[in-house]
C-alpha atoms as a PDB file:
ATOM      1  CA  MET A   1      10.990  58.049  44.471  1.00  0.00           C
ATOM      2  CA  PRO A   2      14.783  56.858  44.698  1.00  0.00           C
ATOM      3  CA  ILE A   3      16.834  57.226  41.366  1.00  0.00           C
ATOM      4  CA  PRO A   4      17.878  53.587  40.588  1.00  0.00           C
ATOM      5  CA  THR A   5      21.251  52.790  40.682  1.00  0.00           C
ATOM      6  CA  ALA A   6      23.638  50.713  38.476  1.00  0.00           C
ATOM      7  CA  ALA A   7      23.549  47.841  41.140  1.00  0.00           C
ATOM      8  CA  HIS A   8      19.572  48.154  41.403  1.00  0.00           C
ATOM      9  CA  VAL A   9      19.463  47.800  37.767  1.00  0.00           C
ATOM     10  CA  LEU A  10      21.848  44.764  36.826  1.00  0.00           C
ATOM     11  CA  SER A  11      20.791  42.802  39.750  1.00  0.00           C
ATOM     12  CA  PRO A  12      17.160  41.378  39.915  1.00  0.00           C
ATOM     13  CA  PRO A  13      15.012  42.759  43.108  1.00  0.00           C
ATOM     14  CA  ASN A  14      14.052  39.261  44.412  1.00  0.00           C
ATOM     15  CA  PRO A  15      16.989  36.637  43.415  1.00  0.00           C
ATOM     16  CA  VAL A  16      15.977  33.560  43.110  1.00  0.00           C
ATOM     17  CA  ALA A  17      16.702  30.762  45.907  1.00  0.00           C
ATOM     18  CA  PRO A  18      18.356  27.583  44.788  1.00  0.00           C
ATOM     19  CA  ILE A  19      16.602  24.470  44.131  1.00  0.00           C
ATOM     20  CA  PRO A  20      17.389  21.991  46.702  1.00  0.00           C
ATOM     21  CA  ALA A  21      18.803  18.541  45.524  1.00  0.00           C
ATOM     22  CA  THR A  22      16.205  15.890  44.962  1.00  0.00           C
ATOM     23  CA  PRO A  23      16.833  12.883  47.463  1.00  0.00           C
ATOM     24  CA  THR A  24      18.101   9.546  45.478  1.00  0.00           C
ATOM     25  CA  PRO A  25      15.162   6.896  45.604  1.00  0.00           C
ATOM     26  CA  ALA A  26      15.745   4.070  48.042  1.00  0.00           C
ATOM     27  CA  THR A  27      16.722   0.868  46.736  1.00  0.00           C
ATOM     28  CA  PRO A  28      14.121  -1.765  47.396  1.00  0.00           C
ATOM     29  CA  ASP A  29      14.828  -4.210  49.916  1.00  0.00           C
ATOM     30  CA  PRO A  30      14.749  -7.476  48.674  1.00  0.00           C
ATOM     31  CA  SER A  31      13.494  -9.566  51.602  1.00  0.00           C
ATOM     32  CA  ARG A  32      10.170  -8.117  51.275  1.00  0.00           C
ATOM     33  CA  PRO A  33       7.764  -9.124  49.263  1.00  0.00           C
ATOM     34  CA  ARG A  34       6.849  -6.678  46.197  1.00  0.00           C
ATOM     35  CA  GLN A  35       3.158  -5.129  46.439  1.00  0.00           C
ATOM     36  CA  PRO A  36       0.969  -5.301  43.769  1.00  0.00           C
ATOM     37  CA  ARG A  37       0.011  -1.962  41.966  1.00  0.00           C
ATOM     38  CA  SER A  38      -3.471  -1.095  41.485  1.00  0.00           C
ATOM     39  CA  ARG A  39      -4.887   0.237  38.346  1.00  0.00           C
ATOM     40  CA  PRO A  40      -6.069   3.742  37.859  1.00  0.00           C
ATOM     41  CA  ALA A  41     -10.024   3.926  36.728  1.00  0.00           C
ATOM     42  CA  TYR A  42      -8.507   5.837  33.707  1.00  0.00           C
ATOM     43  CA  ALA A  43      -6.589   2.769  32.753  1.00  0.00           C
ATOM     44  CA  GLU A  44      -9.595   0.631  32.665  1.00  0.00           C
ATOM     45  CA  ALA A  45     -11.696   2.924  30.576  1.00  0.00           C
ATOM     46  CA  ARG A  46      -8.800   3.508  27.791  1.00  0.00           C
ATOM     47  CA  ASP A  47      -8.802  -0.589  27.676  1.00  0.00           C
ATOM     48  CA  GLN A  48     -12.513  -0.540  27.124  1.00  0.00           C
ATOM     49  CA  ARG A  49     -12.285   2.126  24.232  1.00  0.00           C
ATOM     50  CA  GLY A  50      -9.428   0.616  22.728  1.00  0.00           C
ATOM     51  CA  GLY A  51     -11.345  -2.264  21.860  1.00  0.00           C
ATOM     52  CA  SER A  52     -14.129  -0.418  20.571  1.00  0.00           C
ATOM     53  CA  MET A  53     -11.617   1.634  18.221  1.00  0.00           C
ATOM     54  CA  SER A  54     -10.098  -1.782  17.171  1.00  0.00           C
ATOM     55  CA  VAL A  55     -13.545  -2.917  15.764  1.00  0.00           C
ATOM     56  CA  LEU A  56     -13.930   0.501  14.127  1.00  0.00           C
ATOM     57  CA  VAL A  57     -10.688   0.684  12.573  1.00  0.00           C
ATOM     58  CA  MET A  58     -11.417  -2.891  11.397  1.00  0.00           C
ATOM     59  CA  LEU A  59     -14.738  -1.810   9.622  1.00  0.00           C
ATOM     60  CA  PHE A  60     -13.108   1.472   8.427  1.00  0.00           C
ATOM     61  CA  SER A  61     -10.101  -1.006   7.039  1.00  0.00           C
ATOM     62  CA  LEU A  62     -12.931  -3.273   5.352  1.00  0.00           C
ATOM     63  CA  ALA A  63     -14.507  -0.272   3.613  1.00  0.00           C
ATOM     64  CA  LEU A  64     -11.219   1.125   2.364  1.00  0.00           C
ATOM     65  CA  ILE A  65     -10.415  -2.349   0.850  1.00  0.00           C
ATOM     66  CA  VAL A  66     -13.586  -2.584  -1.049  1.00  0.00           C
ATOM     67  CA  ILE A  67     -13.360   0.916  -2.533  1.00  0.00           C
ATOM     68  CA  ALA A  68     -10.196   0.158  -3.579  1.00  0.00           C
ATOM     69  CA  GLY A  69     -11.457  -3.010  -5.096  1.00  0.00           C
ATOM     70  CA  LEU A  70     -13.996  -1.034  -6.916  1.00  0.00           C
ATOM     71  CA  VAL A  71     -11.672   1.580  -8.225  1.00  0.00           C
ATOM     72  CA  VAL A  72      -8.681  -0.982  -9.540  1.00  0.00           C
ATOM     73  CA  ASP A  73     -11.504  -3.851 -11.050  1.00  0.00           C
ATOM     74  CA  GLY A  74     -14.175  -0.685 -12.483  1.00  0.00           C
ATOM     75  CA  GLY A  75     -10.529   0.795 -13.991  1.00  0.00           C
ATOM     76  CA  GLN A  76     -10.408  -2.708 -15.868  1.00  0.00           C
ATOM     77  CA  GLN A  77     -13.721  -2.742 -17.003  1.00  0.00           C
ATOM     78  CA  VAL A  78     -13.279   0.967 -18.581  1.00  0.00           C
ATOM     79  CA  SER A  79      -9.957  -0.136 -20.034  1.00  0.00           C
ATOM     80  CA  ALA A  80     -11.642  -3.241 -21.672  1.00  0.00           C
ATOM     81  CA  THR A  81     -14.480  -0.808 -22.685  1.00  0.00           C
ATOM     82  CA  ARG A  82     -12.053   1.678 -24.617  1.00  0.00           C
ATOM     83  CA  ARG A  83     -10.179  -1.390 -26.352  1.00  0.00           C
ATOM     84  CA  ALA A  84     -13.450  -2.762 -27.455  1.00  0.00           C
ATOM     85  CA  GLU A  85     -14.645   0.841 -28.860  1.00  0.00           C
ATOM     86  CA  SER A  86     -11.466   1.601 -30.561  1.00  0.00           C
ATOM     87  CA  ALA A  87     -11.519  -1.887 -32.230  1.00  0.00           C
ATOM     88  CA  ALA A  88     -15.035  -1.681 -33.343  1.00  0.00           C
ATOM     89  CA  ALA A  89     -14.584   1.960 -34.773  1.00  0.00           C
ATOM     90  CA  GLY A  90     -11.234   1.376 -36.437  1.00  0.00           C
ATOM     91  CA  ALA A  91     -12.704  -2.042 -38.034  1.00  0.00           C
ATOM     92  CA  ALA A  92     -15.483   0.060 -39.266  1.00  0.00           C
ATOM     93  CA  ARG A  93     -13.445   2.898 -40.679  1.00  0.00           C
ATOM     94  CA  ALA A  94     -11.302   0.069 -42.570  1.00  0.00           C
ATOM     95  CA  ALA A  95     -14.240  -2.100 -43.779  1.00  0.00           C
ATOM     96  CA  ALA A  96     -15.523   1.518 -45.140  1.00  0.00           C
ATOM     97  CA  ALA A  97     -12.618   2.606 -46.771  1.00  0.00           C
ATOM     98  CA  ALA A  98     -12.377  -0.783 -48.513  1.00  0.00           C
ATOM     99  CA  HIS A  99     -15.693  -0.991 -49.770  1.00  0.00           C
ATOM    100  CA  ALA A 100     -15.600   2.682 -50.986  1.00  0.00           C
ATOM    101  CA  SER A 101     -12.369   1.506 -52.956  1.00  0.00           C
ATOM    102  CA  ASP A 102     -13.339  -1.308 -54.872  1.00  0.00           C
ATOM    103  CA  PRO A 103     -16.984  -0.897 -56.910  1.00  0.00           C
ATOM    104  CA  ALA A 104     -17.091  -4.605 -57.912  1.00  0.00           C
ATOM    105  CA  GLY A 105     -16.600  -6.445 -54.394  1.00  0.00           C
ATOM    106  CA  ARG A 106     -17.297  -3.996 -52.146  1.00  0.00           C
ATOM    107  CA  THR A 107     -18.454  -6.588 -49.710  1.00  0.00           C
ATOM    108  CA  THR A 108     -15.536  -9.063 -49.472  1.00  0.00           C
ATOM    109  CA  LEU A 109     -13.231  -6.420 -49.606  1.00  0.00           C
ATOM    110  CA  ALA A 110     -14.843  -4.528 -46.533  1.00  0.00           C
ATOM    111  CA  LEU A 111     -15.241  -7.802 -44.573  1.00  0.00           C
ATOM    112  CA  ALA A 112     -11.626  -8.789 -45.056  1.00  0.00           C
ATOM    113  CA  ALA A 113     -10.380  -4.811 -44.195  1.00  0.00           C
ATOM    114  CA  GLY A 114     -12.578  -5.301 -41.030  1.00  0.00           C
ATOM    115  CA  ARG A 115     -11.246  -8.403 -40.278  1.00  0.00           C
ATOM    116  CA  ARG A 116      -7.484  -7.781 -40.695  1.00  0.00           C
ATOM    117  CA  HIS A 117      -8.197  -4.451 -37.996  1.00  0.00           C
ATOM    118  CA  LEU A 118     -10.127  -6.734 -35.722  1.00  0.00           C
ATOM    119  CA  ASP A 119      -7.092  -9.580 -35.809  1.00  0.00           C
ATOM    120  CA  ALA A 120      -4.599  -6.915 -35.101  1.00  0.00           C
ATOM    121  CA  VAL A 121      -6.078  -5.981 -31.779  1.00  0.00           C
ATOM    122  CA  PRO A 122      -5.299  -8.340 -29.047  1.00  0.00           C
ATOM    123  CA  GLY A 123      -7.517  -9.183 -26.365  1.00  0.00           C
ATOM    124  CA  VAL A 124     -10.390  -8.061 -28.777  1.00  0.00           C
ATOM    125  CA  ASP A 125     -12.750 -10.642 -30.532  1.00  0.00           C
ATOM    126  CA  GLY A 126     -15.625  -9.383 -33.035  1.00  0.00           C
ATOM    127  CA  THR A 127     -17.894  -9.968 -35.847  1.00  0.00           C
ATOM    128  CA  ILE A 128     -18.486  -7.619 -38.873  1.00  0.00           C
ATOM    129  CA  THR A 129     -21.873  -7.505 -41.255  1.00  0.00           C
ATOM    130  CA  VAL A 130     -22.141  -5.369 -44.397  1.00  0.00           C
ATOM    131  CA  THR A 131     -25.678  -4.987 -45.341  1.00  0.00           C
ATOM    132  CA  GLY A 132     -26.635  -2.878 -48.103  1.00  0.00           C
ATOM    133  CA  ASP A 133     -24.848   0.416 -47.125  1.00  0.00           C
ATOM    134  CA  ARG A 134     -24.313  -0.335 -43.856  1.00  0.00           C
ATOM    135  CA  VAL A 135     -21.185  -1.722 -41.998  1.00  0.00           C
ATOM    136  CA  VAL A 136     -22.037  -2.937 -38.908  1.00  0.00           C
ATOM    137  CA  VAL A 137     -19.074  -4.458 -36.327  1.00  0.00           C
ATOM    138  CA  ARG A 138     -19.694  -5.690 -32.755  1.00  0.00           C
ATOM    139  CA  THR A 139     -16.758  -6.160 -30.467  1.00  0.00           C
ATOM    140  CA  SER A 140     -16.030  -7.758 -27.024  1.00  0.00           C
ATOM    141  CA  ALA A 141     -13.168  -7.885 -24.997  1.00  0.00           C
ATOM    142  CA  GLU A 142     -12.235  -9.110 -21.186  1.00  0.00           C
ATOM    143  CA  ALA A 143     -10.005  -8.155 -18.814  1.00  0.00           C
ATOM    144  CA  SER A 144      -8.929  -9.924 -15.378  1.00  0.00           C
ATOM    145  CA  THR A 145      -9.755  -8.702 -12.104  1.00  0.00           C
ATOM    146  CA  THR A 146      -7.769  -8.226  -9.020  1.00  0.00           C
ATOM    147  CA  PHE A 147     -10.382  -8.016  -6.176  1.00  0.00           C
ATOM    148  CA  LEU A 148     -13.445  -9.880  -7.634  1.00  0.00           C
ATOM    149  CA  VAL A 149     -11.563 -12.576  -7.593  1.00  0.00           C
ATOM    150  CA  LEU A 150     -12.138 -12.941  -3.678  1.00  0.00           C
ATOM    151  CA  LEU A 151     -16.125 -12.975  -5.090  1.00  0.00           C
ATOM    152  CA  GLY A 152     -15.739 -15.280  -7.705  1.00  0.00           C
ATOM    153  CA  GLN A 153     -15.723 -13.291 -10.507  1.00  0.00           C
ATOM    154  CA  ASP A 154     -12.002 -13.343 -12.312  1.00  0.00           C
ATOM    155  CA  ARG A 155     -12.900 -11.430 -15.623  1.00  0.00           C
ATOM    156  CA  VAL A 156     -15.128  -8.325 -16.333  1.00  0.00           C
ATOM    157  CA  THR A 157     -16.145  -8.543 -20.216  1.00  0.00           C
ATOM    158  CA  ALA A 158     -16.951  -5.054 -22.027  1.00  0.00           C
ATOM    159  CA  GLU A 159     -19.093  -5.248 -25.516  1.00  0.00           C
ATOM    160  CA  ALA A 160     -18.896  -2.574 -28.094  1.00  0.00           C
ATOM    161  CA  ARG A 161     -20.725  -1.295 -31.340  1.00  0.00           C
ATOM    162  CA  ALA A 162     -20.013   0.594 -34.314  1.00  0.00           C
ATOM    163  CA  GLU A 163     -21.669   1.323 -37.246  1.00  0.00           C
ATOM    164  CA  VAL A 164     -20.895   3.134 -40.725  1.00  0.00           C
ATOM    165  CA  ILE A 165     -23.355   4.010 -43.316  1.00  0.00           C
ATOM    166  CA  LEU A 166     -21.799   3.812 -46.822  1.00  0.00           C
ATOM    167  CA  THR A 167     -22.628   6.215 -49.300  1.00  0.00           C
ATOM    168  CA  VAL A 168     -21.169   6.165 -53.457  1.00  0.00           C
ATOM    169  CA  ARG A 169     -20.399   9.428 -54.660  1.00  0.00           C
END
């Protein structure tokens, strides 16, 4: 086996042949009419698939809009419910505190304190009843919708109820 010399190590054993220059395309002859190109078979399949994908994308887009509508308008419903519950609980606490503070005019003070609290909460309506040892507050709140307007429902309504049992010490 021959020992490699520095010339063999530095130069590759099979030199690569140079790449021939590509010929420039011929310019079309303006006097000859241009031949129409035929479409390959895969182009027809692509057009048919593209049409069916358009319907699929449309259906998914519609489903996404419906889901977004449920999320947004459902959030409005939850927000209205929280406002109604918070107002009912606050009015019941205020009525109970006023009822306990004055033994003589308990019912009148309780109703007035509960009403003041309800009037201070915007967008919430309600009723307060004091019967015996109970204060019952019923409230309702409305919120406007964003997507349900398209179906004819422009508002959602939430209702809440809070009850306090009064004890005299």
